[in-house]
Protein backbone atom coordinates (compact mmCIF):
# COMPACT_ATOMS: atom_id res chain seq x y z
CA UNK A 1 103.55 34.68 -111.50
CA UNK A 2 101.36 37.75 -111.97
CA UNK A 3 100.81 38.68 -115.61
CA UNK A 4 101.17 42.39 -114.80
CA UNK A 5 104.21 43.82 -113.00
CA UNK A 6 104.94 47.35 -111.89
CA UNK A 7 101.24 48.13 -112.42
CA UNK A 8 101.70 48.70 -116.15
CA UNK A 9 103.95 46.04 -117.70
CA UNK A 10 102.25 42.94 -119.04
CA UNK A 11 104.13 39.68 -119.59
CA UNK A 12 103.58 38.13 -123.02
CA UNK A 13 105.82 35.07 -123.25
CA UNK A 14 109.18 33.69 -122.22
CA UNK A 15 112.02 34.50 -124.59
CA UNK A 16 115.04 33.35 -122.59
CA UNK A 17 116.25 31.66 -119.43
CA UNK A 18 119.40 30.94 -117.48
CA UNK A 19 120.81 30.37 -114.01
CA UNK A 20 119.55 33.84 -113.02
CA UNK A 21 115.92 33.08 -113.86
CA UNK A 22 113.85 33.92 -116.91
CA UNK A 23 113.38 36.72 -119.45
CA UNK A 24 109.96 37.57 -120.84
CA UNK A 25 108.78 39.70 -123.68
CA UNK A 26 106.37 42.28 -122.31
CA UNK A 27 104.80 45.60 -123.13
CA UNK A 28 103.80 48.81 -121.43
CA UNK A 29 99.99 48.77 -121.31
CA UNK A 30 99.89 52.58 -121.34
CA UNK A 31 101.71 53.08 -124.64
CA UNK A 32 102.16 49.54 -126.08
CA UNK A 33 105.94 49.91 -126.00
CA UNK A 34 107.66 46.53 -125.92
CA UNK A 35 110.10 45.73 -123.12
CA UNK A 36 112.18 42.87 -121.72
CA UNK A 37 111.18 41.63 -118.26
CA UNK A 38 113.74 39.72 -116.21
CA UNK A 39 112.52 37.55 -113.33
CA UNK A 40 114.56 36.12 -110.45
CA UNK A 41 113.12 34.02 -107.59
CA UNK A 42 113.40 35.99 -104.34
CA UNK A 43 114.71 32.89 -102.55
CA UNK A 44 117.55 32.29 -105.02
CA UNK A 45 120.88 31.43 -103.39
CA UNK A 46 122.80 34.34 -104.90
CA UNK A 47 120.35 37.13 -105.83
CA UNK A 48 121.73 39.55 -108.41
CA UNK A 49 118.80 41.40 -109.91
CA UNK A 50 118.52 44.26 -107.41
CA UNK A 51 122.25 44.91 -107.68
CA UNK A 52 122.08 44.72 -111.46
CA UNK A 53 119.16 47.15 -111.58
CA UNK A 54 121.17 49.68 -109.54
CA UNK A 55 124.00 49.43 -112.07
CA UNK A 56 121.63 50.03 -114.97
CA UNK A 57 120.65 53.29 -113.25
CA UNK A 58 124.24 54.28 -112.45
CA UNK A 59 125.60 53.44 -115.89
CA UNK A 60 122.82 54.98 -117.98
CA UNK A 61 124.33 56.18 -121.25
CA UNK A 62 125.13 55.19 -124.83
CA UNK A 63 125.02 51.44 -125.32
CA UNK A 64 123.37 50.74 -121.95
CA UNK A 65 119.71 49.61 -121.93
CA UNK A 66 117.37 51.86 -119.99
CA UNK A 67 115.98 50.54 -116.72
CA UNK A 68 112.20 51.00 -116.76
CA UNK A 69 111.27 49.47 -113.38
CA UNK A 70 112.51 47.25 -110.59
CA UNK A 71 110.52 45.74 -107.75
CA UNK A 72 109.20 42.59 -106.10
CA UNK A 73 106.08 40.86 -107.39
CA UNK A 74 105.00 37.82 -105.37
CA UNK A 75 107.90 35.38 -105.27
CA UNK A 76 110.01 37.18 -107.87
CA UNK A 77 112.40 40.08 -108.14
CA UNK A 78 111.44 41.82 -111.38
CA UNK A 79 113.48 44.11 -113.63
CA UNK A 80 112.04 45.80 -116.72
CA UNK A 81 114.49 47.13 -119.33
CA UNK A 82 114.56 48.08 -123.01
CA UNK A 83 113.89 45.28 -125.46
CA UNK A 84 117.01 44.78 -127.55
CA UNK A 85 117.96 42.85 -130.67
CA UNK A 86 120.04 39.70 -131.14
CA UNK A 87 123.27 39.05 -129.26
CA UNK A 88 126.58 38.85 -131.08
CA UNK A 89 126.55 35.11 -130.33
CA UNK A 90 123.16 34.83 -132.07
CA UNK A 91 124.51 36.77 -135.03
CA UNK A 92 127.65 34.63 -135.23
CA UNK A 93 125.43 31.57 -135.53
CA UNK A 94 123.35 33.35 -138.15
CA UNK A 95 126.54 34.08 -140.11
CA UNK A 96 127.68 30.43 -140.06
CA UNK A 97 130.04 30.83 -137.11
CA UNK A 98 132.52 33.36 -138.52
CA UNK A 99 132.67 37.10 -139.02
CA UNK A 100 134.74 38.87 -141.66
CA UNK A 101 137.58 41.15 -140.63
CA UNK A 102 135.53 44.20 -141.61
CA UNK A 103 132.66 43.24 -139.29
CA UNK A 104 135.03 42.43 -136.41
CA UNK A 105 136.78 45.79 -136.75
CA UNK A 106 133.51 47.72 -136.81
CA UNK A 107 132.37 45.78 -133.73
CA UNK A 108 135.73 46.21 -131.97
CA UNK A 109 135.37 49.98 -132.14
CA UNK A 110 132.05 49.87 -130.29
CA UNK A 111 132.98 47.07 -127.89
CA UNK A 112 136.08 48.88 -126.65
CA UNK A 113 133.93 51.99 -126.21
CA UNK A 114 131.37 50.13 -124.12
CA UNK A 115 134.02 48.68 -121.83
CA UNK A 116 135.79 52.03 -121.56
CA UNK A 117 132.51 53.69 -120.60
CA UNK A 118 131.91 51.20 -117.77
CA UNK A 119 135.44 51.76 -116.54
CA UNK A 120 135.03 55.56 -116.53
CA UNK A 121 132.00 55.05 -114.30
CA UNK A 122 134.11 53.04 -111.87
CA UNK A 123 132.97 49.51 -112.71
CA UNK A 124 134.44 46.36 -114.23
CA UNK A 125 132.12 44.09 -116.21
CA UNK A 126 133.92 40.80 -115.40
CA UNK A 127 131.85 38.67 -117.78
CA UNK A 128 132.82 39.85 -121.25
CA UNK A 129 131.44 37.43 -123.85
CA UNK A 130 129.44 37.61 -127.12
CA UNK A 131 126.18 36.76 -125.33
CA UNK A 132 126.48 39.96 -123.28
CA UNK A 133 126.61 42.30 -126.27
CA UNK A 134 123.30 42.88 -128.05
CA UNK A 135 122.40 44.94 -131.09
CA UNK A 136 119.68 47.54 -130.78
CA UNK A 137 116.39 47.70 -132.65
CA UNK A 138 114.94 50.08 -135.22
CA UNK A 139 117.04 53.21 -135.58
CA UNK A 140 119.55 51.74 -133.12
CA UNK A 141 119.90 48.47 -135.06
CA UNK A 142 123.62 49.11 -135.62
CA UNK A 143 124.45 50.16 -132.07
CA UNK A 144 125.97 47.61 -129.70
CA UNK A 145 124.63 47.40 -126.14
CA UNK A 146 126.44 45.88 -123.18
CA UNK A 147 124.24 43.93 -120.77
CA UNK A 148 124.25 41.63 -117.73
CA UNK A 149 125.92 43.43 -114.84
CA UNK A 150 125.30 40.71 -112.25
CA UNK A 151 129.04 40.03 -111.90
CA UNK A 152 130.17 43.64 -112.30
CA UNK A 153 132.30 45.13 -109.55
CA UNK A 154 133.27 48.62 -108.48
CA UNK A 155 137.04 48.91 -108.84
CA UNK A 156 137.56 52.45 -107.59
CA UNK A 157 135.85 55.22 -105.65
CA UNK A 158 134.64 57.92 -108.04
CA UNK A 159 135.41 60.71 -105.57
CA UNK A 160 138.80 59.64 -104.21
CA UNK A 161 139.77 57.47 -107.21
CA UNK A 162 141.14 54.93 -104.73
CA UNK A 163 141.61 51.62 -106.54
CA UNK A 164 140.65 48.26 -105.03
CA UNK A 165 143.67 46.42 -103.57
CA UNK A 166 145.61 43.73 -105.38
CA UNK A 167 144.63 40.27 -104.18
CA UNK A 168 145.38 36.68 -105.10
CA UNK A 169 143.69 33.30 -104.58
CA UNK A 170 140.41 34.56 -106.02
CA UNK A 171 137.90 32.16 -107.51
CA UNK A 172 137.23 32.50 -111.22
CA UNK A 173 134.47 35.01 -111.87
CA UNK A 174 132.99 35.16 -115.35
CA UNK A 175 133.17 32.77 -118.30
CA UNK A 176 136.30 30.61 -118.47
CA UNK A 177 136.47 30.64 -122.28
CA UNK A 178 137.09 34.41 -122.34
CA UNK A 179 138.76 34.90 -118.94
CA UNK A 180 142.16 36.57 -118.84
CA UNK A 181 145.27 34.63 -117.88
CA UNK A 182 145.53 36.55 -114.60
CA UNK A 183 141.92 35.68 -113.77
CA UNK A 184 142.76 31.99 -114.24
CA UNK A 185 145.73 32.50 -111.92
CA UNK A 186 143.44 33.80 -109.18
CA UNK A 187 144.45 37.46 -109.39
CA UNK A 188 141.82 40.09 -108.54
CA UNK A 189 140.41 41.49 -111.77
CA UNK A 190 141.00 45.05 -112.93
CA UNK A 191 140.52 47.04 -116.14
CA UNK A 192 143.17 45.10 -118.04
CA UNK A 193 141.21 41.87 -117.66
CA UNK A 194 138.03 43.15 -119.30
CA UNK A 195 140.14 44.22 -122.28
CA UNK A 196 142.03 40.93 -122.53
CA UNK A 197 138.67 39.14 -122.51
CA UNK A 198 137.57 41.37 -125.39
CA UNK A 199 140.63 40.22 -127.32
CA UNK A 200 139.51 36.60 -127.00
CA UNK A 201 136.06 37.65 -128.21
CA UNK A 202 137.62 39.25 -131.32
CA UNK A 203 139.57 36.08 -132.13
CA UNK A 204 136.52 33.93 -131.46
CA UNK A 205 134.64 35.97 -134.05
CA UNK A 206 137.43 35.70 -136.63
CA UNK A 207 138.35 32.05 -136.08
CA UNK A 208 134.92 30.70 -135.20
CA UNK A 209 136.28 29.03 -132.07
CA UNK A 210 139.14 29.21 -129.57
CA UNK A 211 141.80 26.49 -129.02
CA UNK A 212 140.60 25.78 -125.47
CA UNK A 213 137.01 24.99 -126.42
CA UNK A 214 135.66 21.46 -126.11
CA UNK A 215 138.15 20.22 -123.52
CA UNK A 216 136.86 17.25 -121.51
CA UNK A 217 137.16 17.04 -117.74
CA UNK A 218 135.49 15.31 -114.81
CA UNK A 219 134.70 18.40 -112.75
CA UNK A 220 134.25 22.10 -113.35
CA UNK A 221 137.53 22.86 -111.57
CA UNK A 222 139.39 20.34 -113.71
CA UNK A 223 137.89 21.88 -116.83
CA UNK A 224 138.88 25.39 -115.72
CA UNK A 225 142.40 24.12 -115.06
CA UNK A 226 142.60 22.57 -118.54
CA UNK A 227 141.34 25.77 -120.15
CA UNK A 228 143.84 27.80 -118.15
CA UNK A 229 146.73 25.51 -119.11
CA UNK A 230 145.83 25.51 -122.81
CA UNK A 231 145.39 29.29 -122.80
CA UNK A 232 148.76 29.90 -121.17
CA UNK A 233 150.51 27.43 -123.50
CA UNK A 234 149.06 29.08 -126.62
CA UNK A 235 151.23 32.05 -127.63
CA UNK A 236 149.18 34.97 -128.92
CA UNK A 237 151.17 34.72 -132.16
CA UNK A 238 149.71 31.23 -132.61
CA UNK A 239 146.22 32.29 -131.53
CA UNK A 240 146.28 35.14 -134.05
CA UNK A 241 148.14 33.31 -136.83
CA UNK A 242 146.88 34.21 -140.32
CA UNK A 243 145.23 37.36 -138.98
CA UNK A 244 146.59 40.93 -138.92
CA UNK A 245 149.39 41.57 -136.43
CA UNK A 246 147.29 44.30 -134.78
CA UNK A 247 145.53 41.56 -132.83
CA UNK A 248 148.88 40.32 -131.48
CA UNK A 249 149.73 43.92 -130.53
CA UNK A 250 146.37 44.21 -128.77
CA UNK A 251 147.09 41.19 -126.56
CA UNK A 252 150.67 42.23 -125.84
CA UNK A 253 149.44 45.64 -124.73
CA UNK A 254 146.67 44.27 -122.48
CA UNK A 255 149.03 41.78 -120.85
CA UNK A 256 151.67 44.47 -120.29
CA UNK A 257 149.33 46.51 -118.09
CA UNK A 258 149.87 46.50 -114.34
CA UNK A 259 147.01 45.90 -111.92
CA UNK A 260 146.05 49.56 -111.36
CA UNK A 261 147.04 50.91 -114.78
CA UNK A 262 144.52 52.93 -116.74
CA UNK A 263 144.46 51.40 -120.23
CA UNK A 264 145.08 53.62 -123.25
CA UNK A 265 141.74 52.89 -124.92
CA UNK A 266 142.46 55.39 -127.69
CA UNK A 267 145.63 53.51 -128.63
CA UNK A 268 143.70 50.23 -128.90
CA UNK A 269 140.93 51.80 -130.98
CA UNK A 270 143.51 53.46 -133.24
CA UNK A 271 145.23 50.11 -133.80
CA UNK A 272 142.06 48.76 -135.35
CA UNK A 273 141.00 52.02 -137.00
CA UNK A 274 144.32 52.27 -138.84
CA UNK A 275 143.99 48.64 -139.94
CA UNK A 276 140.44 49.34 -141.13
CA UNK A 277 141.66 52.25 -143.25
CA UNK A 278 144.63 50.30 -144.65
CA UNK A 279 142.28 47.52 -145.72
CA UNK A 280 140.26 50.12 -147.64
CA UNK A 281 137.03 49.34 -145.85
CA UNK A 282 134.09 51.69 -145.80
CA UNK A 283 132.59 52.52 -142.41
CA UNK A 284 129.03 51.95 -143.60
CA UNK A 285 127.65 49.74 -140.82
CA UNK A 286 127.07 46.99 -143.36
CA UNK A 287 127.83 44.01 -141.12
CA UNK A 288 127.95 40.39 -142.29
CA UNK A 289 124.39 39.83 -141.12
CA UNK A 290 123.25 42.93 -143.01
CA UNK A 291 124.42 41.36 -146.26
CA UNK A 292 122.80 38.00 -145.45
CA UNK A 293 119.52 39.72 -144.68
CA UNK A 294 119.75 42.13 -147.62
CA UNK A 295 121.60 40.40 -150.51
CA UNK A 296 121.22 43.46 -152.72
CA UNK A 297 123.61 45.30 -150.39
CA UNK A 298 126.24 42.60 -150.80
CA UNK A 299 125.82 42.72 -154.57
CA UNK A 300 126.84 46.38 -154.52
CA UNK A 301 129.94 45.78 -152.45
CA UNK A 302 133.26 44.08 -153.00
CA UNK A 303 134.40 42.39 -149.79
CA UNK A 304 133.38 45.44 -147.79
CA UNK A 305 135.81 47.69 -149.64
CA UNK A 306 134.98 51.23 -150.66
CA UNK A 307 132.17 51.43 -153.18
CA UNK A 308 130.38 54.48 -154.51
CA UNK A 309 127.21 52.45 -154.92
CA UNK A 310 126.07 52.40 -151.33
CA UNK A 311 126.74 53.77 -147.89
CA UNK A 312 124.56 53.84 -144.82
CA UNK A 313 124.27 56.79 -142.52
CA UNK A 314 125.03 56.63 -138.82
CA UNK A 315 121.35 57.16 -138.07
CA UNK A 316 119.61 54.12 -139.48
CA UNK A 317 116.08 54.14 -140.80
CA UNK A 318 115.37 50.43 -140.40
CA UNK A 319 112.28 49.82 -138.30
CA UNK A 320 111.32 46.77 -136.29
CA UNK A 321 108.37 44.75 -137.54
CA UNK A 322 105.80 44.03 -134.87
CA UNK A 323 105.17 40.32 -134.54
CA UNK A 324 106.43 37.11 -133.04
CA UNK A 325 109.31 36.60 -135.48
CA UNK A 326 110.73 39.95 -134.41
CA UNK A 327 110.93 38.96 -130.78
CA UNK A 328 112.28 35.47 -131.31
CA UNK A 329 115.67 36.96 -132.11
CA UNK A 330 115.97 37.93 -128.45
CA UNK A 331 116.01 34.24 -127.59
CA UNK A 332 118.26 33.22 -130.44
CA UNK A 333 116.44 33.37 -133.77
CA UNK A 334 117.97 36.30 -135.59
CA UNK A 335 115.95 39.03 -137.21
CA UNK A 336 118.87 41.09 -138.46
CA UNK A 337 118.43 44.70 -139.52
CA UNK A 338 114.64 44.46 -139.73
CA UNK A 339 112.29 47.13 -140.98
CA UNK A 340 108.54 47.50 -140.92
CA UNK A 341 106.84 46.02 -144.00
CA UNK A 342 105.65 48.57 -146.52
CA UNK A 343 108.43 51.11 -145.95
CA UNK A 344 109.93 50.35 -149.35
CA UNK A 345 113.69 50.25 -150.00
CA UNK A 346 116.00 51.13 -147.15
CA UNK A 347 117.34 54.68 -147.34
CA UNK A 348 121.07 55.20 -147.69
CA UNK A 349 123.38 58.12 -147.29
CA UNK A 350 124.26 59.12 -150.87
CA UNK A 351 127.80 59.98 -149.76
CA UNK A 352 129.60 56.90 -148.39
CA UNK A 353 131.93 57.57 -145.46
CA UNK A 354 135.31 56.72 -146.89
CA UNK A 355 138.28 55.67 -144.78
CA UNK A 356 136.80 56.98 -141.57
CA UNK A 357 136.34 55.31 -138.21
CA UNK A 358 133.09 56.48 -136.66
CA UNK A 359 132.77 55.80 -132.95
CA UNK A 360 129.35 55.21 -131.41
């Protein structure tokens, strides 16, 4: 593989891999800006990278990484995008496999927004999972990005608004752990399914696992069938037991939607925003990993409740240190809320945002 792609992006080292191919850390030789470079063999059985690159262009907006370049170099399709921070799966591991309610509610606000944005642009994601949501870097360290559009599908024409037809007997697309019940049943996916998948992500964050994890089976189909059966036999009241009833309401709403229905995203966000306010939390972007990385922040807070001692502004001042440890988080080793050495104490908004849901 050539060490330079697109005439100006230099590969540094591999930071991730998967069925799609490999991800490299790279940089723009003209301005030294760091980037992520995704490689896919041109002879792969189901190429996705060109399609995915088109979606990055179409979807460009808040919480979507910027496409820098796409092309073919030798035996590889190559896509260059913004370098991002750790995934929510990485951060869950960093936080000992559970998030607090406060962190989940702050994330839920952004995650629903990201899915809503894709839907307004006419696309379903169809592979909602913690690995596909990454935090930004530097001043965007508290912004969630949605990635990996290889399985995304256009569900309506933006001009005519004609919706794709209802179909059955579809193979499961996405990740079984977070797939909606209708997806398991072979029903064509629509907007409701992305949102139901998000609900499973929320409970995964709160519980640390889902009841259908770790099931043994001889084949992939048998495993999918076992997951489907367990999921359908687990009432949402049981899944969400010991957690606020808003999560039960979220699932009931998602499952009540018909195939072509436009979800009421504002209703879902308000469910969690009202809960956030009732709990007395402060919308300060102090996530669980922020406290682990900066213990002095946790010392000034009481379970994330309102405190006059600290409050971070929407525009963060944390900077990314340049060095190998910074980039390792992209492959799994978390560098949470980093800042460049020598900046001194992090700056904070002197006026904490009390009882307010701020949507990014």
